[in-house]
Amino acid sequence: MPFHSTPATDITEQLISVLTPQTTAAMTPQLKLTYFNLPARAELSRLVLTYGKIPFDDVRLTGPEWGALKPNTPLGKMPLLEVDGTIYCQSMAIARYAAKLVGLYPEDPLKCLHVEMISETLCELFDDCIAFHFQEKDETKKAEKTATFLQETLPHKLGMLTSMIQGEYFMESKVTFADIQLFDLFENVLSKFIPGFSAAPYSKLVAIVNRVQTNPEIAAYSAKHTS
């Protein structure tokens, strides 16, 4: 019996015909992201899912509501991500899962390593801000730590991040997880909570932030949730 191969174009057309809007929706997991009604540790995941047009329930709890829910959560902390009925936590684990759903990681393992290197540096800056702005209660010490952060820590780490830029974004001309994380850090942490912060010396990083900000989904979300 002779073998007849099917042209690749025919196979592609068959696959496209099968992937109706209904089947595509069925392939997308049901997501519910739960946190307080503020940016902090949930905003990166919200931004990533919004950028990727991934539907999710954006649940924002009050303090008493969280107090009632807390005993029934895996680690007693938020944010929480419910995926098809199963609850997960840890903010960066959730954000990276969201980024993989959206396709914000390169396929090449070395390029993924580059993105993760940038992401970890951004995490360090985020944690530095939390440590002295929210956890330090002594106002004199807080002022001293703020000055050290602005004069030493921030220029050093943002300088390193600038050197990692490979084009319009961190990875040439394609948006990755790291670019959205940079946007979150600048817009929701540095500009809001660090007195005396100026983005002016970091023009290449600001250019990335501005490009992310002009994305239609991000722009609409920011307009709706800007406080």
N, C-alpha and C. Protein backbone atom coordinates (compact mmCIF):
# COMPACT_ATOMS: atom_id res chain seq x y z
N MET A 1 0.85 -1.19 0.00
CA MET A 1 0.00 0.00 0.00
C MET A 1 0.88 1.24 0.00
N PRO A 2 0.67 2.14 -0.95
CA PRO A 2 1.52 3.33 -1.01
C PRO A 2 1.24 4.26 0.16
N PHE A 3 2.28 4.93 0.61
CA PHE A 3 2.17 5.88 1.72
C PHE A 3 2.00 7.28 1.17
N HIS A 4 0.98 7.97 1.64
CA HIS A 4 0.73 9.34 1.20
C HIS A 4 0.92 10.27 2.39
N SER A 5 1.90 11.14 2.29
CA SER A 5 2.13 12.09 3.38
C SER A 5 1.18 13.27 3.27
N THR A 6 0.83 13.83 4.41
CA THR A 6 -0.05 15.00 4.45
C THR A 6 0.80 16.25 4.52
N PRO A 7 0.62 17.19 3.61
CA PRO A 7 1.41 18.42 3.64
C PRO A 7 1.28 19.13 4.98
N ALA A 8 2.37 19.77 5.40
CA ALA A 8 2.36 20.46 6.69
C ALA A 8 1.29 21.54 6.74
N THR A 9 1.05 22.19 5.60
CA THR A 9 0.04 23.26 5.60
C THR A 9 -1.35 22.70 5.87
N ASP A 10 -1.63 21.48 5.36
CA ASP A 10 -2.93 20.85 5.60
C ASP A 10 -3.09 20.51 7.07
N ILE A 11 -2.01 20.00 7.70
CA ILE A 11 -2.07 19.66 9.12
C ILE A 11 -2.34 20.91 9.95
N THR A 12 -1.65 22.00 9.61
CA THR A 12 -1.84 23.25 10.34
C THR A 12 -3.28 23.73 10.24
N GLU A 13 -3.84 23.65 9.02
CA GLU A 13 -5.22 24.08 8.82
C GLU A 13 -6.19 23.21 9.62
N GLN A 14 -5.91 21.91 9.69
CA GLN A 14 -6.76 21.01 10.47
C GLN A 14 -6.72 21.37 11.95
N LEU A 15 -5.51 21.67 12.46
CA LEU A 15 -5.37 22.02 13.87
C LEU A 15 -6.11 23.32 14.18
N ILE A 16 -5.99 24.29 13.29
CA ILE A 16 -6.65 25.57 13.50
C ILE A 16 -8.17 25.39 13.52
N SER A 17 -8.68 24.50 12.64
CA SER A 17 -10.12 24.28 12.59
C SER A 17 -10.64 23.64 13.87
N VAL A 18 -9.80 22.84 14.53
CA VAL A 18 -10.19 22.19 15.78
C VAL A 18 -10.19 23.16 16.94
N LEU A 19 -9.25 24.12 16.94
CA LEU A 19 -9.11 25.07 18.05
C LEU A 19 -10.12 26.21 17.92
N THR A 20 -11.37 25.89 18.20
CA THR A 20 -12.41 26.91 18.22
C THR A 20 -12.27 27.75 19.48
N PRO A 21 -12.94 28.90 19.56
CA PRO A 21 -12.88 29.69 20.79
C PRO A 21 -13.30 28.89 22.02
N GLN A 22 -14.27 27.97 21.84
CA GLN A 22 -14.73 27.18 22.97
C GLN A 22 -13.65 26.23 23.48
N THR A 23 -12.94 25.56 22.54
CA THR A 23 -11.91 24.62 22.98
C THR A 23 -10.72 25.35 23.53
N THR A 24 -10.39 26.52 22.97
CA THR A 24 -9.28 27.31 23.50
C THR A 24 -9.57 27.75 24.92
N ALA A 25 -10.81 28.20 25.17
CA ALA A 25 -11.19 28.61 26.52
C ALA A 25 -11.11 27.44 27.49
N ALA A 26 -11.49 26.25 27.00
CA ALA A 26 -11.44 25.07 27.87
C ALA A 26 -10.02 24.71 28.25
N MET A 27 -9.04 25.06 27.40
CA MET A 27 -7.65 24.74 27.68
C MET A 27 -7.04 25.70 28.70
N THR A 28 -7.64 26.87 28.88
CA THR A 28 -7.12 27.86 29.82
C THR A 28 -7.57 27.51 31.22
N PRO A 29 -6.65 27.42 32.18
CA PRO A 29 -7.05 27.07 33.55
C PRO A 29 -7.91 28.16 34.17
N GLN A 30 -8.79 27.75 35.07
CA GLN A 30 -9.60 28.70 35.82
C GLN A 30 -8.75 29.27 36.96
N LEU A 31 -8.54 30.57 36.96
CA LEU A 31 -7.63 31.20 37.91
C LEU A 31 -8.37 32.17 38.82
N LYS A 32 -8.02 32.12 40.10
CA LYS A 32 -8.51 33.10 41.07
C LYS A 32 -7.33 33.58 41.91
N LEU A 33 -7.01 34.86 41.79
CA LEU A 33 -5.89 35.46 42.51
C LEU A 33 -6.44 36.27 43.68
N THR A 34 -5.98 35.94 44.88
CA THR A 34 -6.51 36.56 46.09
C THR A 34 -5.43 37.30 46.86
N TYR A 35 -5.73 38.55 47.20
CA TYR A 35 -4.79 39.37 47.98
C TYR A 35 -5.59 40.53 48.57
N PHE A 36 -4.89 41.43 49.26
CA PHE A 36 -5.53 42.65 49.74
C PHE A 36 -5.77 43.61 48.57
N ASN A 37 -6.52 44.67 48.82
CA ASN A 37 -6.79 45.66 47.78
C ASN A 37 -5.65 46.68 47.71
N LEU A 38 -4.48 46.19 47.39
CA LEU A 38 -3.29 47.03 47.20
C LEU A 38 -2.31 46.27 46.34
N PRO A 39 -1.30 46.96 45.77
CA PRO A 39 -0.37 46.29 44.85
C PRO A 39 0.53 45.27 45.56
N ALA A 40 1.59 45.75 46.21
CA ALA A 40 2.51 44.94 47.01
C ALA A 40 2.90 43.64 46.30
N ARG A 41 2.67 42.51 46.96
CA ARG A 41 3.21 41.24 46.46
C ARG A 41 2.31 40.52 45.45
N ALA A 42 1.16 41.08 45.15
CA ALA A 42 0.28 40.44 44.15
C ALA A 42 0.28 41.16 42.81
N GLU A 43 0.78 42.40 42.80
CA GLU A 43 0.61 43.21 41.60
C GLU A 43 1.37 42.67 40.39
N LEU A 44 2.52 42.08 40.61
CA LEU A 44 3.28 41.53 39.49
C LEU A 44 2.48 40.45 38.78
N SER A 45 1.85 39.56 39.54
CA SER A 45 1.03 38.51 38.93
C SER A 45 -0.17 39.11 38.21
N ARG A 46 -0.79 40.10 38.82
CA ARG A 46 -1.92 40.77 38.16
C ARG A 46 -1.50 41.38 36.83
N LEU A 47 -0.35 42.04 36.84
CA LEU A 47 0.14 42.69 35.62
C LEU A 47 0.47 41.68 34.53
N VAL A 48 1.12 40.59 34.92
CA VAL A 48 1.50 39.56 33.94
C VAL A 48 0.26 38.94 33.30
N LEU A 49 -0.71 38.56 34.12
CA LEU A 49 -1.93 37.96 33.58
C LEU A 49 -2.70 38.96 32.72
N THR A 50 -2.72 40.21 33.15
CA THR A 50 -3.39 41.26 32.37
C THR A 50 -2.70 41.45 31.03
N TYR A 51 -1.37 41.53 31.04
CA TYR A 51 -0.60 41.69 29.80
C TYR A 51 -0.90 40.56 28.83
N GLY A 52 -1.00 39.34 29.35
CA GLY A 52 -1.22 38.18 28.49
C GLY A 52 -2.67 37.90 28.17
N LYS A 53 -3.58 38.77 28.62
CA LYS A 53 -5.02 38.61 28.37
C LYS A 53 -5.53 37.27 28.89
N ILE A 54 -4.97 36.85 30.02
CA ILE A 54 -5.42 35.61 30.66
C ILE A 54 -6.51 35.96 31.65
N PRO A 55 -7.72 35.44 31.50
CA PRO A 55 -8.80 35.77 32.43
C PRO A 55 -8.49 35.23 33.84
N PHE A 56 -8.80 36.04 34.85
CA PHE A 56 -8.65 35.58 36.23
C PHE A 56 -9.57 36.39 37.13
N ASP A 57 -10.02 35.76 38.21
CA ASP A 57 -10.81 36.46 39.22
C ASP A 57 -9.85 37.21 40.13
N ASP A 58 -9.98 38.52 40.18
CA ASP A 58 -9.11 39.38 40.98
C ASP A 58 -9.81 39.67 42.30
N VAL A 59 -9.59 38.80 43.27
CA VAL A 59 -10.27 38.89 44.57
C VAL A 59 -9.42 39.72 45.52
N ARG A 60 -10.04 40.74 46.12
CA ARG A 60 -9.31 41.65 47.01
C ARG A 60 -10.01 41.66 48.37
N LEU A 61 -9.30 41.17 49.38
CA LEU A 61 -9.89 40.97 50.70
C LEU A 61 -9.65 42.14 51.64
N THR A 62 -10.55 42.28 52.61
CA THR A 62 -10.32 43.18 53.73
C THR A 62 -9.53 42.41 54.80
N GLY A 63 -9.05 43.12 55.80
CA GLY A 63 -8.32 42.47 56.89
C GLY A 63 -9.13 41.39 57.58
N PRO A 64 -10.38 41.68 57.99
CA PRO A 64 -11.21 40.65 58.63
C PRO A 64 -11.48 39.45 57.73
N GLU A 65 -11.68 39.69 56.44
CA GLU A 65 -11.92 38.57 55.51
C GLU A 65 -10.69 37.67 55.44
N TRP A 66 -9.49 38.27 55.43
CA TRP A 66 -8.27 37.48 55.42
C TRP A 66 -8.12 36.72 56.73
N GLY A 67 -8.46 37.33 57.83
CA GLY A 67 -8.37 36.65 59.12
C GLY A 67 -9.21 35.39 59.16
N ALA A 68 -10.37 35.43 58.54
CA ALA A 68 -11.25 34.26 58.50
C ALA A 68 -10.73 33.19 57.56
N LEU A 69 -10.10 33.62 56.47
CA LEU A 69 -9.61 32.67 55.45
C LEU A 69 -8.27 32.05 55.82
N LYS A 70 -7.43 32.80 56.51
CA LYS A 70 -6.03 32.44 56.75
C LYS A 70 -5.82 31.01 57.28
N PRO A 71 -6.59 30.54 58.27
CA PRO A 71 -6.35 29.18 58.79
C PRO A 71 -6.53 28.07 57.76
N ASN A 72 -7.23 28.37 56.69
CA ASN A 72 -7.51 27.34 55.67
C ASN A 72 -6.62 27.45 54.44
N THR A 73 -5.51 28.19 54.56
CA THR A 73 -4.59 28.35 53.43
C THR A 73 -3.33 27.52 53.64
N PRO A 74 -2.62 27.19 52.55
CA PRO A 74 -1.45 26.29 52.66
C PRO A 74 -0.37 26.77 53.62
N LEU A 75 0.00 28.05 53.56
CA LEU A 75 1.10 28.56 54.39
C LEU A 75 0.70 29.75 55.25
N GLY A 76 -0.58 30.07 55.27
CA GLY A 76 -1.03 31.18 56.09
C GLY A 76 -0.55 32.53 55.59
N LYS A 77 -0.38 32.66 54.29
CA LYS A 77 0.05 33.94 53.72
C LYS A 77 -0.56 34.13 52.35
N MET A 78 -0.61 35.38 51.94
CA MET A 78 -1.06 35.73 50.59
C MET A 78 0.10 36.38 49.83
N PRO A 79 -0.04 36.45 48.49
CA PRO A 79 -1.20 36.12 47.67
C PRO A 79 -1.44 34.62 47.54
N LEU A 80 -2.65 34.31 47.12
CA LEU A 80 -3.05 32.94 46.83
C LEU A 80 -3.47 32.87 45.37
N LEU A 81 -3.13 31.78 44.72
CA LEU A 81 -3.62 31.54 43.36
C LEU A 81 -4.32 30.19 43.34
N GLU A 82 -5.60 30.23 43.02
CA GLU A 82 -6.36 29.00 42.86
C GLU A 82 -6.39 28.63 41.39
N VAL A 83 -5.89 27.44 41.07
CA VAL A 83 -5.83 26.96 39.69
C VAL A 83 -6.71 25.73 39.57
N ASP A 84 -7.81 25.88 38.87
CA ASP A 84 -8.76 24.76 38.70
C ASP A 84 -9.09 24.11 40.04
N GLY A 85 -9.28 24.93 41.07
CA GLY A 85 -9.72 24.42 42.37
C GLY A 85 -8.63 24.12 43.36
N THR A 86 -7.37 24.12 42.94
CA THR A 86 -6.25 23.86 43.85
C THR A 86 -5.56 25.18 44.19
N ILE A 87 -5.27 25.38 45.49
CA ILE A 87 -4.71 26.65 45.95
C ILE A 87 -3.20 26.57 46.10
N TYR A 88 -2.53 27.59 45.58
CA TYR A 88 -1.07 27.71 45.69
C TYR A 88 -0.73 29.08 46.28
N CYS A 89 0.47 29.19 46.85
CA CYS A 89 0.90 30.49 47.37
C CYS A 89 2.38 30.71 47.07
N GLN A 90 2.94 31.77 47.65
CA GLN A 90 4.28 32.32 47.41
C GLN A 90 4.24 33.21 46.16
N SER A 91 4.43 34.50 46.40
CA SER A 91 4.20 35.50 45.37
C SER A 91 5.01 35.29 44.09
N MET A 92 6.31 35.01 44.22
CA MET A 92 7.12 34.88 43.01
C MET A 92 6.86 33.56 42.29
N ALA A 93 6.51 32.52 43.02
CA ALA A 93 6.13 31.26 42.37
C ALA A 93 4.89 31.48 41.51
N ILE A 94 3.93 32.23 42.06
CA ILE A 94 2.71 32.54 41.32
C ILE A 94 3.02 33.40 40.10
N ALA A 95 3.85 34.42 40.29
CA ALA A 95 4.18 35.33 39.18
C ALA A 95 4.89 34.59 38.05
N ARG A 96 5.80 33.69 38.40
CA ARG A 96 6.54 32.96 37.37
C ARG A 96 5.64 31.96 36.65
N TYR A 97 4.72 31.35 37.38
CA TYR A 97 3.74 30.47 36.74
C TYR A 97 2.91 31.26 35.74
N ALA A 98 2.46 32.45 36.17
CA ALA A 98 1.67 33.31 35.28
C ALA A 98 2.48 33.68 34.04
N ALA A 99 3.75 33.99 34.23
CA ALA A 99 4.61 34.37 33.10
C ALA A 99 4.77 33.22 32.11
N LYS A 100 4.82 32.00 32.63
CA LYS A 100 4.92 30.84 31.73
C LYS A 100 3.62 30.63 30.97
N LEU A 101 2.48 30.86 31.63
CA LEU A 101 1.20 30.77 30.92
C LEU A 101 1.14 31.77 29.77
N VAL A 102 1.65 32.95 30.02
CA VAL A 102 1.57 34.04 29.05
C VAL A 102 2.62 33.90 27.94
N GLY A 103 3.71 33.18 28.23
CA GLY A 103 4.79 33.05 27.25
C GLY A 103 5.83 34.13 27.37
N LEU A 104 6.11 34.56 28.60
CA LEU A 104 7.06 35.65 28.84
C LEU A 104 8.46 35.15 29.17
N TYR A 105 8.71 33.87 28.93
CA TYR A 105 10.06 33.33 29.07
C TYR A 105 10.57 32.89 27.70
N PRO A 106 11.85 33.13 27.40
CA PRO A 106 12.42 32.64 26.14
C PRO A 106 12.46 31.11 26.12
N GLU A 107 12.51 30.54 24.95
CA GLU A 107 12.63 29.09 24.84
C GLU A 107 14.05 28.62 25.15
N ASP A 108 15.04 29.43 24.83
CA ASP A 108 16.44 29.06 25.06
C ASP A 108 16.76 29.10 26.55
N PRO A 109 17.29 27.98 27.12
CA PRO A 109 17.59 27.94 28.56
C PRO A 109 18.54 29.04 29.03
N LEU A 110 19.54 29.39 28.20
CA LEU A 110 20.48 30.44 28.60
C LEU A 110 19.80 31.80 28.64
N LYS A 111 18.89 32.04 27.71
CA LYS A 111 18.14 33.29 27.75
C LYS A 111 17.20 33.34 28.95
N CYS A 112 16.65 32.18 29.30
CA CYS A 112 15.84 32.10 30.52
C CYS A 112 16.69 32.43 31.75
N LEU A 113 17.92 31.94 31.76
CA LEU A 113 18.84 32.24 32.86
C LEU A 113 19.09 33.74 32.95
N HIS A 114 19.24 34.39 31.81
CA HIS A 114 19.45 35.84 31.78
C HIS A 114 18.25 36.56 32.38
N VAL A 115 17.05 36.14 32.00
CA VAL A 115 15.83 36.75 32.53
C VAL A 115 15.73 36.53 34.03
N GLU A 116 16.04 35.32 34.49
CA GLU A 116 15.96 35.01 35.92
C GLU A 116 17.00 35.79 36.72
N MET A 117 18.18 36.00 36.15
CA MET A 117 19.21 36.79 36.81
C MET A 117 18.70 38.22 37.06
N ILE A 118 18.07 38.79 36.07
CA ILE A 118 17.50 40.12 36.22
C ILE A 118 16.37 40.11 37.24
N SER A 119 15.52 39.09 37.15
CA SER A 119 14.39 38.98 38.07
C SER A 119 14.84 38.91 39.52
N GLU A 120 15.87 38.12 39.79
CA GLU A 120 16.37 37.99 41.17
C GLU A 120 16.92 39.32 41.68
N THR A 121 17.58 40.07 40.81
CA THR A 121 18.10 41.39 41.20
C THR A 121 16.95 42.34 41.53
N LEU A 122 15.90 42.30 40.75
CA LEU A 122 14.72 43.12 41.02
C LEU A 122 14.05 42.70 42.32
N CYS A 123 14.03 41.40 42.60
CA CYS A 123 13.49 40.91 43.87
C CYS A 123 14.29 41.45 45.05
N GLU A 124 15.60 41.50 44.91
CA GLU A 124 16.45 42.03 45.98
C GLU A 124 16.11 43.50 46.26
N LEU A 125 15.92 44.27 45.21
CA LEU A 125 15.57 45.68 45.38
C LEU A 125 14.20 45.83 46.05
N PHE A 126 13.26 45.01 45.65
CA PHE A 126 11.93 45.02 46.26
C PHE A 126 12.04 44.73 47.75
N ASP A 127 12.78 43.68 48.09
CA ASP A 127 12.93 43.30 49.50
C ASP A 127 13.68 44.36 50.30
N ASP A 128 14.67 45.01 49.67
CA ASP A 128 15.38 46.11 50.34
C ASP A 128 14.40 47.22 50.73
N CYS A 129 13.51 47.56 49.82
CA CYS A 129 12.53 48.62 50.09
C CYS A 129 11.59 48.23 51.23
N ILE A 130 11.12 46.99 51.20
CA ILE A 130 10.22 46.52 52.25
C ILE A 130 10.91 46.56 53.60
N ALA A 131 12.18 46.16 53.63
CA ALA A 131 12.91 46.03 54.89
C ALA A 131 13.00 47.34 55.64
N PHE A 132 13.34 48.43 54.94
CA PHE A 132 13.51 49.67 55.69
C PHE A 132 12.27 50.57 55.69
N HIS A 133 11.43 50.46 54.67
CA HIS A 133 10.28 51.37 54.62
C HIS A 133 9.14 50.89 55.51
N PHE A 134 8.88 49.59 55.52
CA PHE A 134 7.74 49.08 56.26
C PHE A 134 8.13 48.43 57.59
N GLN A 135 9.31 47.85 57.66
CA GLN A 135 9.69 47.10 58.86
C GLN A 135 10.47 47.93 59.88
N GLU A 136 11.15 48.97 59.43
CA GLU A 136 11.90 49.83 60.36
C GLU A 136 10.96 50.85 61.00
N LYS A 137 10.82 50.78 62.31
CA LYS A 137 9.89 51.67 63.02
C LYS A 137 10.56 52.94 63.53
N ASP A 138 11.85 52.90 63.74
CA ASP A 138 12.58 54.07 64.22
C ASP A 138 12.77 55.05 63.05
N GLU A 139 12.19 56.24 63.16
CA GLU A 139 12.21 57.19 62.05
C GLU A 139 13.61 57.67 61.70
N THR A 140 14.47 57.80 62.72
CA THR A 140 15.85 58.23 62.46
C THR A 140 16.59 57.18 61.65
N LYS A 141 16.45 55.92 62.07
CA LYS A 141 17.10 54.82 61.36
C LYS A 141 16.52 54.67 59.95
N LYS A 142 15.21 54.87 59.84
CA LYS A 142 14.58 54.76 58.53
C LYS A 142 15.15 55.80 57.57
N ALA A 143 15.33 57.03 58.06
CA ALA A 143 15.90 58.09 57.22
C ALA A 143 17.33 57.76 56.80
N GLU A 144 18.10 57.20 57.73
CA GLU A 144 19.48 56.82 57.42
C GLU A 144 19.52 55.71 56.37
N LYS A 145 18.65 54.72 56.54
CA LYS A 145 18.61 53.60 55.60
C LYS A 145 18.10 54.04 54.22
N THR A 146 17.17 54.98 54.22
CA THR A 146 16.69 55.52 52.95
C THR A 146 17.81 56.22 52.20
N ALA A 147 18.60 57.00 52.93
CA ALA A 147 19.72 57.72 52.30
C ALA A 147 20.75 56.75 51.73
N THR A 148 21.07 55.70 52.49
CA THR A 148 22.02 54.70 52.01
C THR A 148 21.49 53.99 50.77
N PHE A 149 20.20 53.69 50.78
CA PHE A 149 19.57 53.02 49.65
C PHE A 149 19.65 53.89 48.40
N LEU A 150 19.31 55.17 48.54
CA LEU A 150 19.30 56.08 47.39
C LEU A 150 20.69 56.41 46.87
N GLN A 151 21.65 56.49 47.77
CA GLN A 151 23.00 56.92 47.38
C GLN A 151 23.92 55.78 46.99
N GLU A 152 23.65 54.57 47.51
CA GLU A 152 24.56 53.45 47.27
C GLU A 152 23.87 52.25 46.61
N THR A 153 22.90 51.67 47.32
CA THR A 153 22.29 50.42 46.85
C THR A 153 21.61 50.58 45.49
N LEU A 154 20.75 51.59 45.39
CA LEU A 154 19.97 51.75 44.16
C LEU A 154 20.83 52.07 42.94
N PRO A 155 21.75 53.03 43.01
CA PRO A 155 22.59 53.29 41.83
C PRO A 155 23.42 52.09 41.41
N HIS A 156 23.90 51.33 42.40
CA HIS A 156 24.72 50.16 42.09
C HIS A 156 23.90 49.10 41.35
N LYS A 157 22.73 48.76 41.90
CA LYS A 157 21.95 47.68 41.31
C LYS A 157 21.26 48.11 40.01
N LEU A 158 20.77 49.33 39.96
CA LEU A 158 20.16 49.79 38.71
C LEU A 158 21.21 49.97 37.62
N GLY A 159 22.42 50.30 38.01
CA GLY A 159 23.52 50.36 37.04
C GLY A 159 23.81 48.99 36.45
N MET A 160 23.81 47.97 37.31
CA MET A 160 24.03 46.60 36.82
C MET A 160 22.90 46.18 35.89
N LEU A 161 21.66 46.51 36.27
CA LEU A 161 20.52 46.15 35.43
C LEU A 161 20.59 46.85 34.08
N THR A 162 21.03 48.10 34.07
CA THR A 162 21.17 48.82 32.81
C THR A 162 22.15 48.12 31.87
N SER A 163 23.22 47.59 32.44
CA SER A 163 24.22 46.89 31.62
C SER A 163 23.70 45.59 31.03
N MET A 164 22.58 45.08 31.55
CA MET A 164 22.01 43.83 31.08
C MET A 164 21.00 44.03 29.95
N ILE A 165 20.69 45.26 29.63
CA ILE A 165 19.72 45.53 28.56
C ILE A 165 20.34 45.19 27.20
N GLN A 166 19.60 44.44 26.38
CA GLN A 166 20.13 43.98 25.10
C GLN A 166 19.39 44.57 23.89
N GLY A 167 18.54 45.55 24.13
CA GLY A 167 17.79 46.15 23.03
C GLY A 167 16.72 47.07 23.57
N GLU A 168 15.54 47.04 22.96
CA GLU A 168 14.43 47.85 23.45
C GLU A 168 13.97 47.38 24.81
N TYR A 169 14.17 46.07 25.06
CA TYR A 169 13.83 45.48 26.34
C TYR A 169 15.08 44.76 26.86
N PHE A 170 14.95 44.08 27.98
CA PHE A 170 16.11 43.35 28.49
C PHE A 170 16.59 42.30 27.50
N MET A 171 15.63 41.66 26.81
CA MET A 171 15.97 40.64 25.82
C MET A 171 15.62 41.15 24.42
N GLU A 172 16.42 42.06 23.91
CA GLU A 172 16.26 42.57 22.55
C GLU A 172 14.90 43.25 22.36
N SER A 173 14.11 42.78 21.39
CA SER A 173 12.87 43.48 21.06
C SER A 173 11.62 42.79 21.60
N LYS A 174 11.80 41.81 22.48
CA LYS A 174 10.66 41.04 22.98
C LYS A 174 10.47 41.24 24.48
N VAL A 175 9.24 41.52 24.88
CA VAL A 175 8.93 41.68 26.30
C VAL A 175 9.08 40.34 27.02
N THR A 176 9.72 40.36 28.17
CA THR A 176 9.82 39.18 29.01
C THR A 176 9.29 39.50 30.41
N PHE A 177 9.26 38.48 31.23
CA PHE A 177 8.85 38.61 32.63
C PHE A 177 9.63 39.72 33.33
N ALA A 178 10.92 39.82 33.06
CA ALA A 178 11.77 40.80 33.73
C ALA A 178 11.35 42.23 33.42
N ASP A 179 10.89 42.50 32.21
CA ASP A 179 10.46 43.85 31.83
C ASP A 179 9.22 44.28 32.62
N ILE A 180 8.28 43.36 32.78
CA ILE A 180 7.07 43.69 33.54
C ILE A 180 7.40 43.82 35.02
N GLN A 181 8.34 43.02 35.50
CA GLN A 181 8.77 43.14 36.89
C GLN A 181 9.45 44.49 37.14
N LEU A 182 10.24 44.95 36.18
CA LEU A 182 10.86 46.28 36.29
C LEU A 182 9.79 47.36 36.36
N PHE A 183 8.79 47.26 35.49
CA PHE A 183 7.68 48.22 35.50
C PHE A 183 7.01 48.25 36.87
N ASP A 184 6.74 47.10 37.43
CA ASP A 184 6.10 47.01 38.75
C ASP A 184 6.96 47.67 39.83
N LEU A 185 8.27 47.41 39.81
CA LEU A 185 9.16 47.99 40.81
C LEU A 185 9.17 49.52 40.72
N PHE A 186 9.31 50.05 39.51
CA PHE A 186 9.37 51.51 39.35
C PHE A 186 8.04 52.17 39.70
N GLU A 187 6.94 51.62 39.18
CA GLU A 187 5.64 52.27 39.32
C GLU A 187 5.00 52.08 40.68
N ASN A 188 5.16 50.91 41.27
CA ASN A 188 4.41 50.58 42.48
C ASN A 188 5.24 50.54 43.76
N VAL A 189 6.55 50.65 43.63
CA VAL A 189 7.40 50.61 44.82
C VAL A 189 8.26 51.86 44.92
N LEU A 190 9.20 52.01 44.01
CA LEU A 190 10.16 53.12 44.11
C LEU A 190 9.48 54.48 44.05
N SER A 191 8.59 54.68 43.09
CA SER A 191 7.98 56.00 42.92
C SER A 191 6.96 56.33 44.00
N LYS A 192 6.44 55.31 44.68
CA LYS A 192 5.40 55.54 45.68
C LYS A 192 5.92 55.57 47.11
N PHE A 193 6.95 54.79 47.39
CA PHE A 193 7.34 54.60 48.79
C PHE A 193 8.74 55.06 49.15
N ILE A 194 9.53 55.48 48.18
CA ILE A 194 10.90 55.89 48.47
C ILE A 194 11.03 57.40 48.28
N PRO A 195 10.98 58.17 49.38
CA PRO A 195 11.11 59.63 49.27
C PRO A 195 12.46 60.00 48.65
N GLY A 196 12.42 60.90 47.70
CA GLY A 196 13.65 61.35 47.06
C GLY A 196 14.07 60.53 45.86
N PHE A 197 13.30 59.48 45.52
CA PHE A 197 13.67 58.68 44.35
C PHE A 197 13.43 59.46 43.07
N SER A 198 14.40 59.46 42.19
CA SER A 198 14.27 60.05 40.86
C SER A 198 14.70 59.03 39.82
N ALA A 199 13.86 58.82 38.82
CA ALA A 199 14.18 57.87 37.76
C ALA A 199 15.06 58.48 36.68
N ALA A 200 15.28 59.78 36.75
CA ALA A 200 16.00 60.50 35.69
C ALA A 200 17.36 59.92 35.32
N PRO A 201 18.18 59.47 36.29
CA PRO A 201 19.51 58.95 35.92
C PRO A 201 19.48 57.61 35.20
N TYR A 202 18.31 56.99 35.13
CA TYR A 202 18.22 55.61 34.62
C TYR A 202 17.38 55.59 33.34
N SER A 203 17.78 56.37 32.36
CA SER A 203 16.96 56.59 31.17
C SER A 203 16.67 55.31 30.38
N LYS A 204 17.64 54.40 30.32
CA LYS A 204 17.42 53.17 29.56
C LYS A 204 16.39 52.27 30.25
N LEU A 205 16.42 52.25 31.58
CA LEU A 205 15.42 51.48 32.32
C LEU A 205 14.06 52.15 32.22
N VAL A 206 14.03 53.46 32.30
CA VAL A 206 12.78 54.20 32.16
C VAL A 206 12.16 53.96 30.79
N ALA A 207 12.98 53.83 29.76
CA ALA A 207 12.47 53.56 28.41
C ALA A 207 11.72 52.23 28.37
N ILE A 208 12.26 51.23 29.08
CA ILE A 208 11.57 49.93 29.15
C ILE A 208 10.25 50.09 29.89
N VAL A 209 10.28 50.78 31.02
CA VAL A 209 9.07 51.01 31.81
C VAL A 209 8.00 51.69 30.96
N ASN A 210 8.39 52.69 30.21
CA ASN A 210 7.44 53.42 29.37
C ASN A 210 6.86 52.54 28.26
N ARG A 211 7.69 51.67 27.70
CA ARG A 211 7.19 50.77 26.64
C ARG A 211 6.16 49.79 27.21
N VAL A 212 6.45 49.26 28.39
CA VAL A 212 5.48 48.35 29.03
C VAL A 212 4.19 49.11 29.34
N GLN A 213 4.33 50.32 29.81
CA GLN A 213 3.18 51.13 30.22
C GLN A 213 2.25 51.44 29.05
N THR A 214 2.78 51.51 27.84
CA THR A 214 1.95 51.83 26.68
C THR A 214 1.21 50.61 26.11
N ASN A 215 1.51 49.42 26.63
CA ASN A 215 0.73 48.25 26.21
C ASN A 215 -0.74 48.51 26.54
N PRO A 216 -1.65 48.26 25.60
CA PRO A 216 -3.07 48.61 25.83
C PRO A 216 -3.67 47.98 27.08
N GLU A 217 -3.35 46.71 27.33
CA GLU A 217 -3.91 46.04 28.50
C GLU A 217 -3.36 46.63 29.80
N ILE A 218 -2.04 46.86 29.82
CA ILE A 218 -1.41 47.44 31.01
C ILE A 218 -1.92 48.86 31.24
N ALA A 219 -2.03 49.64 30.17
CA ALA A 219 -2.51 51.02 30.29
C ALA A 219 -3.92 51.07 30.85
N ALA A 220 -4.80 50.20 30.36
CA ALA A 220 -6.18 50.18 30.84
C ALA A 220 -6.25 49.74 32.29
N TYR A 221 -5.46 48.73 32.64
CA TYR A 221 -5.43 48.26 34.03
C TYR A 221 -4.91 49.35 34.96
N SER A 222 -3.84 50.01 34.57
CA SER A 222 -3.24 51.06 35.41
C SER A 222 -4.21 52.22 35.61
N ALA A 223 -4.92 52.59 34.54
CA ALA A 223 -5.89 53.68 34.65
C ALA A 223 -7.01 53.34 35.62
N LYS A 224 -7.38 52.07 35.65
CA LYS A 224 -8.47 51.63 36.51
C LYS A 224 -8.05 51.54 37.97
N HIS A 225 -6.79 51.16 38.21
CA HIS A 225 -6.37 50.85 39.58
C HIS A 225 -5.39 51.85 40.18
N THR A 226 -5.06 52.91 39.46
CA THR A 226 -4.14 53.91 40.02
C THR A 226 -4.80 54.58 41.21
N SER A 227 -4.04 54.62 42.34
CA SER A 227 -4.59 55.23 43.56
C SER A 227 -3.94 56.58 43.80
